[in-house]
């Protein structure tokens, strides 16, 4: 079962951006992880919906952008990245979000539009745990 957690989103500093060799400032998420306070750099875009969940001893950051037709999840264990998944085109979204991954590949963006954020998150997390365990 996944449990929603509170995160604080912000933008990385210019110094961090330059040190990482990026041309745009990344988004960061801060959250409490047990007794520790974590701050992680995300792959999420500026206009993405970002939610965080705790499950299976890890923190999952779920990114959804229905307007551009993509979704993704990043998994962090003890504050370190431990897996990610990104789906953008119809067949990728259908294989991740359709029940049992057997949806009509032409309807992937429809799955993304029809499901609520929590259901998208649950399916992304299950898929990531299955392929990256």
Protein backbone atom coordinates (compact mmCIF):
# COMPACT_ATOMS: atom_id res chain seq x y z
CA UNK A 1 0.00 0.00 0.00
CA UNK A 2 1.27 3.45 -0.86
CA UNK A 3 1.09 6.33 1.59
CA UNK A 4 1.19 9.96 0.47
CA UNK A 5 3.90 12.11 2.06
CA UNK A 6 4.38 15.85 2.18
CA UNK A 7 7.18 17.36 0.14
CA UNK A 8 8.40 20.91 -0.39
CA UNK A 9 9.27 21.71 -4.00
CA UNK A 10 11.80 24.39 -4.93
CA UNK A 11 14.45 25.15 -7.54
CA UNK A 12 18.10 24.30 -7.15
CA UNK A 13 20.63 27.05 -6.70
CA UNK A 14 22.50 28.48 -9.66
CA UNK A 15 25.73 27.15 -8.15
CA UNK A 16 24.35 23.60 -8.04
CA UNK A 17 23.07 23.91 -11.60
CA UNK A 18 26.47 25.01 -12.89
CA UNK A 19 28.32 22.36 -10.87
CA UNK A 20 26.07 19.66 -12.39
CA UNK A 21 26.56 21.03 -15.91
CA UNK A 22 22.88 21.84 -16.45
CA UNK A 23 21.58 24.78 -18.49
CA UNK A 24 18.35 25.11 -16.48
CA UNK A 25 17.76 24.95 -12.75
CA UNK A 26 16.28 21.61 -11.71
CA UNK A 27 13.44 21.17 -9.26
CA UNK A 28 14.26 19.82 -5.83
CA UNK A 29 12.08 18.09 -3.25
CA UNK A 30 12.61 18.24 0.51
CA UNK A 31 10.95 15.75 2.82
CA UNK A 32 11.34 14.00 6.14
CA UNK A 33 12.63 10.43 5.87
CA UNK A 34 12.50 8.89 9.32
CA UNK A 35 14.68 11.12 11.51
CA UNK A 36 16.54 12.59 8.53
CA UNK A 37 15.59 15.53 6.35
CA UNK A 38 16.29 14.78 2.67
CA UNK A 39 16.68 17.12 -0.31
CA UNK A 40 16.84 15.48 -3.71
CA UNK A 41 17.15 16.79 -7.25
CA UNK A 42 14.26 15.74 -9.48
CA UNK A 43 13.90 15.05 -13.17
CA UNK A 44 10.49 16.76 -13.10
CA UNK A 45 9.67 19.70 -15.32
CA UNK A 46 8.42 23.08 -14.15
CA UNK A 47 4.78 22.42 -15.10
CA UNK A 48 4.59 18.78 -14.02
CA UNK A 49 2.34 17.61 -11.21
CA UNK A 50 4.66 16.15 -8.56
CA UNK A 51 3.52 13.92 -5.69
CA UNK A 52 5.45 11.79 -3.23
CA UNK A 53 4.60 8.43 -1.70
CA UNK A 54 6.19 6.01 0.73
CA UNK A 55 5.98 2.27 0.08
CA UNK A 56 8.18 -0.82 0.45
CA UNK A 57 10.76 1.10 2.51
CA UNK A 58 11.38 3.68 -0.20
CA UNK A 59 10.18 7.14 -1.23
CA UNK A 60 8.67 7.46 -4.71
CA UNK A 61 8.41 10.79 -6.52
CA UNK A 62 5.69 10.62 -9.19
CA UNK A 63 5.60 13.11 -12.05
CA UNK A 64 2.59 13.57 -14.32
CA UNK A 65 2.07 15.96 -17.22
CA UNK A 66 -1.23 15.24 -18.95
CA UNK A 67 -0.92 18.22 -21.31
CA UNK A 68 2.32 16.84 -22.77
CA UNK A 69 1.31 13.19 -22.34
CA UNK A 70 3.95 11.72 -20.05
CA UNK A 71 4.42 10.30 -16.58
CA UNK A 72 7.29 8.97 -14.55
CA UNK A 73 8.44 7.80 -11.15
CA UNK A 74 11.75 8.04 -9.31
CA UNK A 75 12.52 5.76 -6.35
CA UNK A 76 14.81 6.79 -3.49
CA UNK A 77 16.07 4.43 -0.81
CA UNK A 78 17.89 6.01 2.16
CA UNK A 79 18.02 9.28 0.18
CA UNK A 80 19.78 7.71 -2.82
CA UNK A 81 18.24 7.13 -6.25
CA UNK A 82 17.46 3.43 -6.65
CA UNK A 83 15.37 3.28 -9.82
CA UNK A 84 13.24 5.26 -12.23
CA UNK A 85 10.74 4.83 -15.04
CA UNK A 86 9.50 7.32 -17.64
CA UNK A 87 6.68 6.77 -20.17
CA UNK A 88 5.92 9.28 -22.90
CA UNK A 89 4.49 7.70 -26.05
CA UNK A 90 1.24 5.72 -26.31
CA UNK A 91 2.76 2.23 -26.26
CA UNK A 92 4.99 3.06 -23.27
CA UNK A 93 2.14 4.60 -21.26
CA UNK A 94 -0.21 1.71 -22.13
CA UNK A 95 2.37 -0.90 -21.07
CA UNK A 96 2.84 0.84 -17.72
CA UNK A 97 -0.68 2.03 -16.87
CA UNK A 98 -3.01 -0.51 -18.50
CA UNK A 99 -4.19 -3.32 -16.24
CA UNK A 100 -1.68 -6.17 -16.61
CA UNK A 101 0.19 -4.04 -19.18
CA UNK A 102 -1.95 -5.33 -22.02
CA UNK A 103 -3.79 -2.16 -23.06
CA UNK A 104 -4.36 -1.02 -26.61
CA UNK A 105 -1.10 0.74 -27.43
CA UNK A 106 -2.98 3.49 -29.29
CA UNK A 107 -4.77 4.47 -26.08
CA UNK A 108 -1.84 5.13 -23.75
CA UNK A 109 -2.50 8.85 -23.35
CA UNK A 110 -6.19 8.03 -22.75
CA UNK A 111 -5.17 5.89 -19.74
CA UNK A 112 -3.22 8.84 -18.42
CA UNK A 113 -6.21 11.18 -18.89
CA UNK A 114 -8.75 8.83 -17.31
CA UNK A 115 -6.91 7.75 -14.17
CA UNK A 116 -6.58 9.96 -11.10
CA UNK A 117 -3.11 10.88 -9.84
CA UNK A 118 -3.09 8.31 -7.03
CA UNK A 119 -4.01 5.45 -9.39
CA UNK A 120 -1.33 6.55 -11.88
CA UNK A 121 1.14 6.60 -8.97
CA UNK A 122 0.13 3.13 -7.75
CA UNK A 123 0.55 1.64 -11.23
CA UNK A 124 3.88 3.40 -11.86
CA UNK A 125 5.24 2.23 -8.50
CA UNK A 126 4.09 -1.36 -9.11
CA UNK A 127 5.67 -1.33 -12.58
CA UNK A 128 8.96 0.13 -11.32
CA UNK A 129 9.17 -2.38 -8.47
CA UNK A 130 8.50 -5.22 -10.91
CA UNK A 131 11.11 -4.26 -13.51
CA UNK A 132 13.77 -2.80 -11.20
CA UNK A 133 13.75 -5.13 -8.22
